[in-house]
Amino acid sequence: MTRSAAAVRCSFPEDRTLPQAAIFWFTGLSGAGKTTLAEAVRARLELEGQRMLILDGDRVRETFHRNLGFTPEDIRENNRLIAELCSRERDDYDAILVPIISPFRESRADARKRLAPAFYEVHVCASLETVEARDVKGLYAKARRGQTGSMIGQRGGVPYEPPERPELAIDTAAESETASADRLFSFVLARLPKAANPV
């Protein structure tokens, strides 16, 4: 990731002042479609010449935070560390998309405080029944068989606290993937920072 950031930096003239990236902090249950939407929007924005970074919760945890489990304390620490990573990387990108479950309102409020003013909470919502039926990673089936602990949002598991006032809410059970991606693309594009000294 650091090498990628350095390569992007080298492609811009030294006299160009780059504003800090806008942060789009996705939240929603596993299987709601956060990463799918983030990847679709990143591809479209890169075609527009935007410098994009995705900090996917699963990939960040596997790469940097393997020592953390899934207790509420570990989840809060993982979210805090992801916010720190956003802060370190935001000088090199136009936008950072952060698709993570982020189940606690307090953690999301802390991320907002750390990453303001260009911080946008995106609630990718789908009911527990919907995500259990999708079960894209097979995790809900494992939880039902007792092969893992409960999933976030399931009875007996870590509770999921939906956002009260997200800047954008996308109900992936009610609208198609294409319609959801179109809305997210428009939302992100309208909030990207402008270079202070464009070339």
N, C-alpha and C. Protein backbone atom coordinates (compact mmCIF):
# COMPACT_ATOMS: atom_id res chain seq x y z
N MET A 1 0.82 -1.20 0.00
CA MET A 1 0.00 0.00 0.00
C MET A 1 0.86 1.25 0.00
N THR A 2 1.95 1.26 0.79
CA THR A 2 2.84 2.42 0.84
C THR A 2 3.49 2.64 -0.51
N ARG A 3 3.95 1.54 -1.18
CA ARG A 3 4.55 1.68 -2.51
C ARG A 3 3.55 2.24 -3.50
N SER A 4 2.29 1.78 -3.42
CA SER A 4 1.26 2.28 -4.32
C SER A 4 1.05 3.77 -4.12
N ALA A 5 1.01 4.19 -2.86
CA ALA A 5 0.82 5.61 -2.56
C ALA A 5 1.98 6.42 -3.11
N ALA A 6 3.21 5.93 -2.96
CA ALA A 6 4.38 6.64 -3.47
C ALA A 6 4.33 6.76 -4.98
N ALA A 7 3.90 5.71 -5.66
CA ALA A 7 3.81 5.74 -7.12
C ALA A 7 2.79 6.77 -7.57
N VAL A 8 1.66 6.86 -6.87
CA VAL A 8 0.65 7.85 -7.22
C VAL A 8 1.20 9.25 -7.02
N ARG A 9 1.89 9.46 -5.88
CA ARG A 9 2.46 10.79 -5.61
C ARG A 9 3.41 11.23 -6.71
N CYS A 10 4.24 10.31 -7.21
CA CYS A 10 5.25 10.65 -8.22
C CYS A 10 4.62 11.06 -9.55
N SER A 11 3.36 10.70 -9.76
CA SER A 11 2.75 11.00 -11.05
C SER A 11 2.17 12.42 -11.10
N PHE A 12 2.27 13.19 -10.02
CA PHE A 12 1.74 14.54 -9.99
C PHE A 12 2.87 15.56 -9.87
N PRO A 13 2.74 16.70 -10.55
CA PRO A 13 3.77 17.73 -10.45
C PRO A 13 3.93 18.21 -9.01
N GLU A 14 5.17 18.60 -8.66
CA GLU A 14 5.48 19.03 -7.29
C GLU A 14 4.70 20.27 -6.88
N ASP A 15 4.34 21.15 -7.83
CA ASP A 15 3.70 22.41 -7.45
C ASP A 15 2.18 22.27 -7.32
N ARG A 16 1.66 21.09 -7.51
CA ARG A 16 0.23 20.91 -7.37
C ARG A 16 -0.10 20.65 -5.91
N THR A 17 -0.99 21.46 -5.34
CA THR A 17 -1.41 21.28 -3.97
C THR A 17 -2.61 20.35 -3.96
N LEU A 18 -2.47 19.22 -3.29
CA LEU A 18 -3.55 18.24 -3.25
C LEU A 18 -4.28 18.33 -1.92
N PRO A 19 -5.60 18.53 -1.96
CA PRO A 19 -6.34 18.54 -0.71
C PRO A 19 -6.45 17.12 -0.15
N GLN A 20 -6.79 17.02 1.11
CA GLN A 20 -6.93 15.71 1.72
C GLN A 20 -8.16 15.00 1.18
N ALA A 21 -8.06 13.67 1.15
CA ALA A 21 -9.14 12.84 0.63
C ALA A 21 -10.40 12.96 1.47
N ALA A 22 -11.51 12.84 0.79
CA ALA A 22 -12.79 12.66 1.48
C ALA A 22 -12.86 11.20 1.93
N ILE A 23 -13.41 10.97 3.10
CA ILE A 23 -13.52 9.63 3.66
C ILE A 23 -14.99 9.21 3.60
N PHE A 24 -15.25 8.07 2.99
CA PHE A 24 -16.60 7.51 2.91
C PHE A 24 -16.60 6.23 3.74
N TRP A 25 -17.14 6.35 4.95
CA TRP A 25 -17.09 5.27 5.95
C TRP A 25 -18.38 4.47 5.85
N PHE A 26 -18.31 3.31 5.20
CA PHE A 26 -19.47 2.45 5.00
C PHE A 26 -19.74 1.69 6.30
N THR A 27 -20.99 1.44 6.59
CA THR A 27 -21.36 0.60 7.72
C THR A 27 -22.57 -0.23 7.32
N GLY A 28 -22.63 -1.44 7.84
CA GLY A 28 -23.74 -2.34 7.53
C GLY A 28 -23.34 -3.76 7.86
N LEU A 29 -24.30 -4.64 7.94
CA LEU A 29 -24.04 -6.03 8.28
C LEU A 29 -23.18 -6.72 7.21
N SER A 30 -22.51 -7.78 7.60
CA SER A 30 -21.77 -8.59 6.64
C SER A 30 -22.74 -9.13 5.60
N GLY A 31 -22.42 -8.93 4.33
CA GLY A 31 -23.29 -9.40 3.26
C GLY A 31 -24.26 -8.35 2.75
N ALA A 32 -24.22 -7.14 3.32
CA ALA A 32 -25.13 -6.09 2.86
C ALA A 32 -24.74 -5.54 1.50
N GLY A 33 -23.46 -5.69 1.10
CA GLY A 33 -23.02 -5.22 -0.21
C GLY A 33 -22.03 -4.07 -0.16
N LYS A 34 -21.44 -3.82 0.99
CA LYS A 34 -20.52 -2.68 1.15
C LYS A 34 -19.33 -2.76 0.21
N THR A 35 -18.62 -3.88 0.22
CA THR A 35 -17.41 -4.02 -0.59
C THR A 35 -17.76 -4.05 -2.08
N THR A 36 -18.83 -4.73 -2.44
CA THR A 36 -19.25 -4.80 -3.84
C THR A 36 -19.50 -3.39 -4.39
N LEU A 37 -20.21 -2.57 -3.62
CA LEU A 37 -20.49 -1.20 -4.06
C LEU A 37 -19.22 -0.36 -4.10
N ALA A 38 -18.37 -0.51 -3.10
CA ALA A 38 -17.13 0.26 -3.07
C ALA A 38 -16.26 -0.06 -4.28
N GLU A 39 -16.14 -1.32 -4.62
CA GLU A 39 -15.32 -1.72 -5.78
C GLU A 39 -15.91 -1.17 -7.07
N ALA A 40 -17.22 -1.23 -7.22
CA ALA A 40 -17.87 -0.72 -8.44
C ALA A 40 -17.65 0.78 -8.58
N VAL A 41 -17.79 1.51 -7.49
CA VAL A 41 -17.62 2.97 -7.53
C VAL A 41 -16.16 3.34 -7.73
N ARG A 42 -15.25 2.62 -7.10
CA ARG A 42 -13.82 2.91 -7.31
C ARG A 42 -13.46 2.78 -8.79
N ALA A 43 -13.91 1.72 -9.43
CA ALA A 43 -13.58 1.51 -10.84
C ALA A 43 -14.10 2.67 -11.70
N ARG A 44 -15.30 3.13 -11.43
CA ARG A 44 -15.87 4.23 -12.22
C ARG A 44 -15.13 5.54 -11.96
N LEU A 45 -14.78 5.79 -10.70
CA LEU A 45 -14.09 7.04 -10.38
C LEU A 45 -12.66 7.06 -10.90
N GLU A 46 -12.01 5.90 -10.92
CA GLU A 46 -10.66 5.85 -11.49
C GLU A 46 -10.70 6.15 -12.99
N LEU A 47 -11.77 5.74 -13.67
CA LEU A 47 -11.93 6.09 -15.09
C LEU A 47 -12.08 7.59 -15.27
N GLU A 48 -12.58 8.27 -14.24
CA GLU A 48 -12.71 9.73 -14.25
C GLU A 48 -11.41 10.43 -13.87
N GLY A 49 -10.36 9.65 -13.59
CA GLY A 49 -9.07 10.23 -13.22
C GLY A 49 -8.90 10.49 -11.74
N GLN A 50 -9.80 9.97 -10.92
CA GLN A 50 -9.70 10.18 -9.47
C GLN A 50 -8.77 9.14 -8.85
N ARG A 51 -8.07 9.55 -7.81
CA ARG A 51 -7.17 8.66 -7.08
C ARG A 51 -7.93 8.06 -5.91
N MET A 52 -8.17 6.76 -5.97
CA MET A 52 -9.05 6.11 -5.01
C MET A 52 -8.30 5.04 -4.21
N LEU A 53 -8.72 4.87 -2.95
CA LEU A 53 -8.20 3.79 -2.12
C LEU A 53 -9.38 3.15 -1.41
N ILE A 54 -9.40 1.82 -1.39
CA ILE A 54 -10.38 1.10 -0.59
C ILE A 54 -9.65 0.48 0.59
N LEU A 55 -10.16 0.73 1.79
CA LEU A 55 -9.65 0.08 2.99
C LEU A 55 -10.75 -0.86 3.47
N ASP A 56 -10.79 -2.05 2.88
CA ASP A 56 -11.80 -3.05 3.21
C ASP A 56 -11.50 -3.63 4.59
N GLY A 57 -12.52 -3.69 5.43
CA GLY A 57 -12.33 -4.14 6.81
C GLY A 57 -11.68 -5.51 6.93
N ASP A 58 -12.14 -6.47 6.12
CA ASP A 58 -11.57 -7.82 6.17
C ASP A 58 -10.10 -7.82 5.76
N ARG A 59 -9.79 -7.12 4.67
CA ARG A 59 -8.40 -7.11 4.18
C ARG A 59 -7.46 -6.38 5.13
N VAL A 60 -7.94 -5.28 5.70
CA VAL A 60 -7.10 -4.54 6.66
C VAL A 60 -6.83 -5.41 7.88
N ARG A 61 -7.86 -6.09 8.36
CA ARG A 61 -7.69 -6.95 9.53
C ARG A 61 -6.69 -8.07 9.23
N GLU A 62 -6.83 -8.72 8.07
CA GLU A 62 -5.93 -9.82 7.70
C GLU A 62 -4.49 -9.34 7.52
N THR A 63 -4.32 -8.12 7.01
CA THR A 63 -2.98 -7.61 6.71
C THR A 63 -2.30 -6.99 7.93
N PHE A 64 -3.03 -6.18 8.67
CA PHE A 64 -2.41 -5.38 9.73
C PHE A 64 -2.82 -5.77 11.14
N HIS A 65 -4.01 -6.32 11.33
CA HIS A 65 -4.55 -6.49 12.68
C HIS A 65 -4.95 -7.93 12.96
N ARG A 66 -4.14 -8.88 12.52
CA ARG A 66 -4.47 -10.30 12.73
C ARG A 66 -4.60 -10.67 14.19
N ASN A 67 -3.94 -9.93 15.05
CA ASN A 67 -3.97 -10.24 16.48
C ASN A 67 -5.32 -9.90 17.12
N LEU A 68 -6.17 -9.16 16.41
CA LEU A 68 -7.45 -8.77 16.99
C LEU A 68 -8.53 -9.80 16.69
N GLY A 69 -9.34 -10.08 17.69
CA GLY A 69 -10.46 -11.01 17.52
C GLY A 69 -11.73 -10.24 17.20
N PHE A 70 -12.85 -10.77 17.65
CA PHE A 70 -14.15 -10.17 17.33
C PHE A 70 -14.95 -9.84 18.59
N THR A 71 -14.25 -9.60 19.69
CA THR A 71 -14.93 -9.10 20.88
C THR A 71 -15.29 -7.63 20.61
N PRO A 72 -16.23 -7.08 21.35
CA PRO A 72 -16.53 -5.65 21.17
C PRO A 72 -15.29 -4.76 21.30
N GLU A 73 -14.41 -5.10 22.25
CA GLU A 73 -13.20 -4.30 22.44
C GLU A 73 -12.28 -4.39 21.21
N ASP A 74 -12.12 -5.61 20.68
CA ASP A 74 -11.26 -5.79 19.50
C ASP A 74 -11.86 -5.09 18.27
N ILE A 75 -13.16 -5.14 18.13
CA ILE A 75 -13.82 -4.47 17.01
C ILE A 75 -13.61 -2.96 17.11
N ARG A 76 -13.76 -2.42 18.30
CA ARG A 76 -13.54 -0.97 18.50
C ARG A 76 -12.08 -0.60 18.18
N GLU A 77 -11.15 -1.44 18.62
CA GLU A 77 -9.73 -1.17 18.35
C GLU A 77 -9.44 -1.25 16.86
N ASN A 78 -10.01 -2.24 16.18
CA ASN A 78 -9.81 -2.36 14.73
C ASN A 78 -10.35 -1.12 14.02
N ASN A 79 -11.53 -0.65 14.41
CA ASN A 79 -12.10 0.55 13.79
C ASN A 79 -11.23 1.77 14.05
N ARG A 80 -10.69 1.88 15.28
CA ARG A 80 -9.80 3.01 15.61
C ARG A 80 -8.55 2.98 14.74
N LEU A 81 -7.98 1.78 14.57
CA LEU A 81 -6.77 1.65 13.76
C LEU A 81 -7.05 1.94 12.29
N ILE A 82 -8.23 1.57 11.80
CA ILE A 82 -8.60 1.89 10.42
C ILE A 82 -8.73 3.40 10.25
N ALA A 83 -9.31 4.08 11.23
CA ALA A 83 -9.40 5.54 11.17
C ALA A 83 -8.00 6.16 11.13
N GLU A 84 -7.08 5.62 11.92
CA GLU A 84 -5.68 6.10 11.89
C GLU A 84 -5.07 5.90 10.51
N LEU A 85 -5.32 4.74 9.93
CA LEU A 85 -4.79 4.44 8.59
C LEU A 85 -5.36 5.42 7.57
N CYS A 86 -6.65 5.73 7.66
CA CYS A 86 -7.25 6.74 6.78
C CYS A 86 -6.53 8.08 6.92
N SER A 87 -6.27 8.46 8.17
CA SER A 87 -5.61 9.73 8.43
C SER A 87 -4.22 9.78 7.80
N ARG A 88 -3.49 8.67 7.88
CA ARG A 88 -2.14 8.61 7.31
C ARG A 88 -2.15 8.62 5.79
N GLU A 89 -3.16 8.02 5.18
CA GLU A 89 -3.19 7.86 3.72
C GLU A 89 -3.92 8.97 2.98
N ARG A 90 -4.62 9.83 3.68
CA ARG A 90 -5.55 10.73 2.99
C ARG A 90 -4.88 11.83 2.18
N ASP A 91 -3.60 12.10 2.39
CA ASP A 91 -2.91 13.11 1.57
C ASP A 91 -2.65 12.61 0.15
N ASP A 92 -2.74 11.31 -0.07
CA ASP A 92 -2.35 10.73 -1.35
C ASP A 92 -3.52 10.37 -2.26
N TYR A 93 -4.73 10.63 -1.84
CA TYR A 93 -5.90 10.19 -2.61
C TYR A 93 -6.95 11.29 -2.65
N ASP A 94 -7.86 11.16 -3.62
CA ASP A 94 -9.03 12.04 -3.68
C ASP A 94 -10.12 11.53 -2.74
N ALA A 95 -10.22 10.21 -2.62
CA ALA A 95 -11.23 9.62 -1.74
C ALA A 95 -10.73 8.29 -1.22
N ILE A 96 -11.14 7.99 0.01
CA ILE A 96 -10.89 6.69 0.61
C ILE A 96 -12.25 6.09 0.95
N LEU A 97 -12.51 4.92 0.40
CA LEU A 97 -13.75 4.20 0.67
C LEU A 97 -13.45 3.14 1.72
N VAL A 98 -14.24 3.10 2.78
CA VAL A 98 -13.96 2.24 3.92
C VAL A 98 -15.16 1.31 4.17
N PRO A 99 -15.24 0.18 3.44
CA PRO A 99 -16.35 -0.75 3.68
C PRO A 99 -16.04 -1.70 4.84
N ILE A 100 -16.60 -1.38 6.00
CA ILE A 100 -16.42 -2.22 7.19
C ILE A 100 -17.77 -2.33 7.89
N ILE A 101 -17.93 -3.33 8.74
CA ILE A 101 -19.20 -3.46 9.45
C ILE A 101 -19.38 -2.29 10.40
N SER A 102 -18.36 -1.96 11.17
CA SER A 102 -18.38 -0.82 12.09
C SER A 102 -19.70 -0.76 12.87
N PRO A 103 -19.93 -1.74 13.76
CA PRO A 103 -21.25 -1.87 14.37
C PRO A 103 -21.61 -0.86 15.45
N PHE A 104 -20.61 -0.12 15.97
CA PHE A 104 -20.88 0.73 17.13
C PHE A 104 -20.94 2.21 16.74
N ARG A 105 -22.01 2.87 17.16
CA ARG A 105 -22.16 4.31 16.87
C ARG A 105 -21.00 5.11 17.46
N GLU A 106 -20.57 4.72 18.64
CA GLU A 106 -19.48 5.45 19.30
C GLU A 106 -18.20 5.40 18.47
N SER A 107 -17.88 4.23 17.89
CA SER A 107 -16.69 4.11 17.05
C SER A 107 -16.81 4.96 15.80
N ARG A 108 -18.00 4.99 15.22
CA ARG A 108 -18.19 5.81 14.02
C ARG A 108 -18.11 7.29 14.36
N ALA A 109 -18.62 7.68 15.53
CA ALA A 109 -18.51 9.08 15.96
C ALA A 109 -17.05 9.46 16.19
N ASP A 110 -16.27 8.54 16.76
CA ASP A 110 -14.83 8.80 16.96
C ASP A 110 -14.12 8.96 15.62
N ALA A 111 -14.46 8.10 14.65
CA ALA A 111 -13.84 8.22 13.32
C ALA A 111 -14.22 9.55 12.68
N ARG A 112 -15.47 9.95 12.82
CA ARG A 112 -15.91 11.24 12.26
C ARG A 112 -15.12 12.39 12.87
N LYS A 113 -14.94 12.37 14.19
CA LYS A 113 -14.21 13.44 14.87
C LYS A 113 -12.76 13.49 14.38
N ARG A 114 -12.14 12.32 14.23
CA ARG A 114 -10.75 12.25 13.81
C ARG A 114 -10.58 12.68 12.35
N LEU A 115 -11.56 12.37 11.51
CA LEU A 115 -11.39 12.54 10.06
C LEU A 115 -12.20 13.70 9.48
N ALA A 116 -12.87 14.47 10.32
CA ALA A 116 -13.64 15.63 9.85
C ALA A 116 -12.70 16.64 9.20
N PRO A 117 -13.20 17.50 8.32
CA PRO A 117 -14.61 17.70 7.99
C PRO A 117 -15.11 16.82 6.85
N ALA A 118 -14.23 16.27 6.03
CA ALA A 118 -14.67 15.52 4.85
C ALA A 118 -14.87 14.05 5.20
N PHE A 119 -15.84 13.78 6.07
CA PHE A 119 -16.17 12.42 6.51
C PHE A 119 -17.65 12.20 6.25
N TYR A 120 -17.96 11.11 5.55
CA TYR A 120 -19.34 10.83 5.19
C TYR A 120 -19.67 9.39 5.57
N GLU A 121 -20.73 9.25 6.36
CA GLU A 121 -21.17 7.91 6.78
C GLU A 121 -22.18 7.39 5.75
N VAL A 122 -21.90 6.20 5.23
CA VAL A 122 -22.76 5.57 4.22
C VAL A 122 -23.31 4.28 4.84
N HIS A 123 -24.62 4.26 5.06
CA HIS A 123 -25.25 3.07 5.63
C HIS A 123 -25.73 2.18 4.49
N VAL A 124 -25.06 1.04 4.33
CA VAL A 124 -25.48 0.05 3.34
C VAL A 124 -26.34 -0.95 4.12
N CYS A 125 -27.64 -0.79 3.99
CA CYS A 125 -28.53 -1.55 4.86
C CYS A 125 -29.23 -2.68 4.12
N ALA A 126 -29.37 -3.74 4.86
CA ALA A 126 -30.16 -4.90 4.45
C ALA A 126 -30.48 -5.63 5.75
N SER A 127 -31.65 -6.21 5.83
CA SER A 127 -32.06 -6.87 7.06
C SER A 127 -31.19 -8.10 7.33
N LEU A 128 -31.20 -8.54 8.58
CA LEU A 128 -30.47 -9.74 8.94
C LEU A 128 -30.95 -10.92 8.12
N GLU A 129 -32.26 -11.03 7.89
CA GLU A 129 -32.80 -12.13 7.08
C GLU A 129 -32.23 -12.09 5.66
N THR A 130 -32.10 -10.89 5.11
CA THR A 130 -31.58 -10.75 3.75
C THR A 130 -30.12 -11.17 3.67
N VAL A 131 -29.29 -10.69 4.60
CA VAL A 131 -27.87 -11.03 4.53
C VAL A 131 -27.63 -12.49 4.86
N GLU A 132 -28.44 -13.06 5.75
CA GLU A 132 -28.32 -14.49 6.04
C GLU A 132 -28.66 -15.32 4.81
N ALA A 133 -29.66 -14.89 4.05
CA ALA A 133 -30.03 -15.61 2.82
C ALA A 133 -28.94 -15.47 1.76
N ARG A 134 -28.32 -14.30 1.65
CA ARG A 134 -27.23 -14.10 0.69
C ARG A 134 -26.00 -14.92 1.10
N ASP A 135 -25.60 -14.76 2.33
CA ASP A 135 -24.46 -15.45 2.95
C ASP A 135 -23.29 -15.61 1.97
N VAL A 136 -22.84 -14.49 1.41
CA VAL A 136 -21.83 -14.51 0.36
C VAL A 136 -20.50 -15.14 0.78
N LYS A 137 -20.19 -15.08 2.07
CA LYS A 137 -18.92 -15.66 2.55
C LYS A 137 -19.13 -16.98 3.27
N GLY A 138 -20.37 -17.42 3.40
CA GLY A 138 -20.65 -18.67 4.10
C GLY A 138 -20.53 -18.57 5.61
N LEU A 139 -20.40 -17.36 6.13
CA LEU A 139 -20.17 -17.17 7.56
C LEU A 139 -21.44 -17.40 8.38
N TYR A 140 -22.59 -17.00 7.85
CA TYR A 140 -23.83 -17.20 8.61
C TYR A 140 -24.13 -18.69 8.75
N ALA A 141 -23.88 -19.45 7.69
CA ALA A 141 -24.09 -20.91 7.76
C ALA A 141 -23.17 -21.53 8.80
N LYS A 142 -21.90 -21.08 8.84
CA LYS A 142 -20.97 -21.59 9.84
C LYS A 142 -21.44 -21.25 11.25
N ALA A 143 -21.96 -20.03 11.42
CA ALA A 143 -22.45 -19.62 12.73
C ALA A 143 -23.64 -20.49 13.14
N ARG A 144 -24.55 -20.79 12.20
CA ARG A 144 -25.70 -21.64 12.52
C ARG A 144 -25.28 -23.05 12.91
N ARG A 145 -24.19 -23.54 12.30
CA ARG A 145 -23.69 -24.88 12.61
C ARG A 145 -22.82 -24.89 13.87
N GLY A 146 -22.59 -23.71 14.45
CA GLY A 146 -21.77 -23.64 15.66
C GLY A 146 -20.28 -23.72 15.39
N GLN A 147 -19.86 -23.51 14.13
CA GLN A 147 -18.45 -23.58 13.78
C GLN A 147 -17.71 -22.28 14.05
N THR A 148 -18.46 -21.22 14.25
CA THR A 148 -17.88 -19.93 14.62
C THR A 148 -18.79 -19.32 15.67
N GLY A 149 -18.37 -18.23 16.25
CA GLY A 149 -19.26 -17.52 17.14
C GLY A 149 -20.39 -16.88 16.34
N SER A 150 -21.30 -16.25 17.03
CA SER A 150 -22.40 -15.56 16.35
C SER A 150 -21.85 -14.41 15.51
N MET A 151 -22.54 -14.11 14.45
CA MET A 151 -22.17 -12.98 13.60
C MET A 151 -22.68 -11.69 14.22
N ILE A 152 -22.06 -10.60 13.86
CA ILE A 152 -22.52 -9.29 14.33
C ILE A 152 -23.96 -9.10 13.87
N GLY A 153 -24.81 -8.74 14.80
CA GLY A 153 -26.23 -8.52 14.50
C GLY A 153 -27.11 -9.71 14.81
N GLN A 154 -26.55 -10.91 14.90
CA GLN A 154 -27.34 -12.09 15.25
C GLN A 154 -27.60 -12.12 16.75
N ARG A 155 -28.68 -12.81 17.13
CA ARG A 155 -28.96 -12.97 18.55
C ARG A 155 -27.79 -13.69 19.21
N GLY A 156 -27.33 -13.15 20.32
CA GLY A 156 -26.20 -13.73 21.02
C GLY A 156 -24.86 -13.21 20.55
N GLY A 157 -24.84 -12.50 19.46
CA GLY A 157 -23.60 -11.94 18.94
C GLY A 157 -23.45 -10.48 19.32
N VAL A 158 -22.43 -9.86 18.80
CA VAL A 158 -22.22 -8.42 19.02
C VAL A 158 -23.38 -7.68 18.36
N PRO A 159 -24.02 -6.76 19.07
CA PRO A 159 -25.15 -6.04 18.46
C PRO A 159 -24.68 -5.07 17.38
N TYR A 160 -25.55 -4.85 16.39
CA TYR A 160 -25.28 -3.85 15.36
C TYR A 160 -26.15 -2.64 15.65
N GLU A 161 -25.51 -1.48 15.76
CA GLU A 161 -26.21 -0.23 16.04
C GLU A 161 -26.29 0.58 14.74
N PRO A 162 -27.45 0.58 14.08
CA PRO A 162 -27.54 1.31 12.81
C PRO A 162 -27.34 2.81 13.01
N PRO A 163 -26.84 3.48 12.00
CA PRO A 163 -26.65 4.93 12.11
C PRO A 163 -27.98 5.65 12.28
N GLU A 164 -27.94 6.76 12.99
CA GLU A 164 -29.16 7.55 13.18
C GLU A 164 -29.34 8.58 12.06
N ARG A 165 -28.23 9.16 11.60
CA ARG A 165 -28.32 10.18 10.54
C ARG A 165 -27.15 10.05 9.56
N PRO A 166 -27.10 8.97 8.82
CA PRO A 166 -26.01 8.86 7.85
C PRO A 166 -26.18 9.88 6.73
N GLU A 167 -25.08 10.24 6.12
CA GLU A 167 -25.18 11.16 4.97
C GLU A 167 -25.84 10.48 3.77
N LEU A 168 -25.71 9.16 3.68
CA LEU A 168 -26.35 8.41 2.59
C LEU A 168 -26.76 7.05 3.12
N ALA A 169 -27.97 6.61 2.80
CA ALA A 169 -28.44 5.27 3.13
C ALA A 169 -28.81 4.56 1.83
N ILE A 170 -28.30 3.36 1.67
CA ILE A 170 -28.59 2.56 0.48
C ILE A 170 -29.16 1.23 0.94
N ASP A 171 -30.39 0.94 0.56
CA ASP A 171 -31.05 -0.31 0.93
C ASP A 171 -30.84 -1.30 -0.22
N THR A 172 -29.87 -2.19 -0.06
CA THR A 172 -29.53 -3.11 -1.14
C THR A 172 -30.56 -4.22 -1.31
N ALA A 173 -31.49 -4.34 -0.38
CA ALA A 173 -32.58 -5.31 -0.55
C ALA A 173 -33.69 -4.71 -1.40
N ALA A 174 -33.78 -3.38 -1.43
CA ALA A 174 -34.89 -2.71 -2.12
C ALA A 174 -34.51 -2.19 -3.50
N GLU A 175 -33.21 -2.01 -3.77
CA GLU A 175 -32.83 -1.51 -5.09
C GLU A 175 -31.72 -2.38 -5.67
N SER A 176 -31.60 -2.37 -6.97
CA SER A 176 -30.63 -3.22 -7.65
C SER A 176 -29.20 -2.77 -7.36
N GLU A 177 -28.27 -3.67 -7.62
CA GLU A 177 -26.86 -3.33 -7.44
C GLU A 177 -26.48 -2.15 -8.34
N THR A 178 -26.98 -2.14 -9.56
CA THR A 178 -26.68 -1.05 -10.49
C THR A 178 -27.22 0.28 -9.98
N ALA A 179 -28.48 0.28 -9.52
CA ALA A 179 -29.08 1.52 -9.01
C ALA A 179 -28.34 1.99 -7.76
N SER A 180 -27.97 1.05 -6.89
CA SER A 180 -27.23 1.41 -5.67
C SER A 180 -25.88 2.01 -6.03
N ALA A 181 -25.17 1.38 -6.97
CA ALA A 181 -23.85 1.88 -7.38
C ALA A 181 -23.96 3.25 -8.04
N ASP A 182 -25.01 3.46 -8.84
CA ASP A 182 -25.21 4.76 -9.48
C ASP A 182 -25.41 5.86 -8.44
N ARG A 183 -26.22 5.58 -7.43
CA ARG A 183 -26.46 6.58 -6.38
C ARG A 183 -25.20 6.87 -5.59
N LEU A 184 -24.47 5.81 -5.26
CA LEU A 184 -23.24 6.00 -4.50
C LEU A 184 -22.20 6.76 -5.34
N PHE A 185 -22.07 6.44 -6.60
CA PHE A 185 -21.13 7.12 -7.49
C PHE A 185 -21.43 8.62 -7.52
N SER A 186 -22.69 8.98 -7.71
CA SER A 186 -23.08 10.40 -7.76
C SER A 186 -22.78 11.10 -6.44
N PHE A 187 -23.08 10.41 -5.35
CA PHE A 187 -22.85 10.97 -4.01
C PHE A 187 -21.36 11.24 -3.79
N VAL A 188 -20.52 10.25 -4.10
CA VAL A 188 -19.08 10.39 -3.88
C VAL A 188 -18.50 11.46 -4.80
N LEU A 189 -18.84 11.40 -6.08
CA LEU A 189 -18.29 12.34 -7.05
C LEU A 189 -18.58 13.79 -6.65
N ALA A 190 -19.77 14.05 -6.13
CA ALA A 190 -20.15 15.42 -5.75
C ALA A 190 -19.39 15.92 -4.53
N ARG A 191 -18.74 15.01 -3.80
CA ARG A 191 -18.07 15.40 -2.55
C ARG A 191 -16.55 15.27 -2.61
N LEU A 192 -16.02 15.02 -3.77
CA LEU A 192 -14.57 14.91 -3.89
C LEU A 192 -13.93 16.29 -3.78
N PRO A 193 -12.77 16.36 -3.13
CA PRO A 193 -12.08 17.65 -2.99
C PRO A 193 -11.54 18.11 -4.33
N LYS A 194 -11.41 19.40 -4.46
CA LYS A 194 -10.84 20.00 -5.67
C LYS A 194 -9.40 20.39 -5.39
N ALA A 195 -8.49 20.16 -6.33
CA ALA A 195 -7.09 20.55 -6.16
C ALA A 195 -6.99 22.06 -6.06
N ALA A 196 -6.16 22.53 -5.13
CA ALA A 196 -6.00 23.97 -4.94
C ALA A 196 -5.30 24.62 -6.13
N ASN A 197 -4.36 23.90 -6.73
CA ASN A 197 -3.64 24.42 -7.90
C ASN A 197 -3.71 23.40 -9.03
N PRO A 198 -4.87 23.28 -9.70
CA PRO A 198 -4.97 22.27 -10.74
C PRO A 198 -3.98 22.51 -11.86
N VAL A 199 -3.55 21.43 -12.48
CA VAL A 199 -2.53 21.52 -13.53
C VAL A 199 -3.17 22.03 -14.80
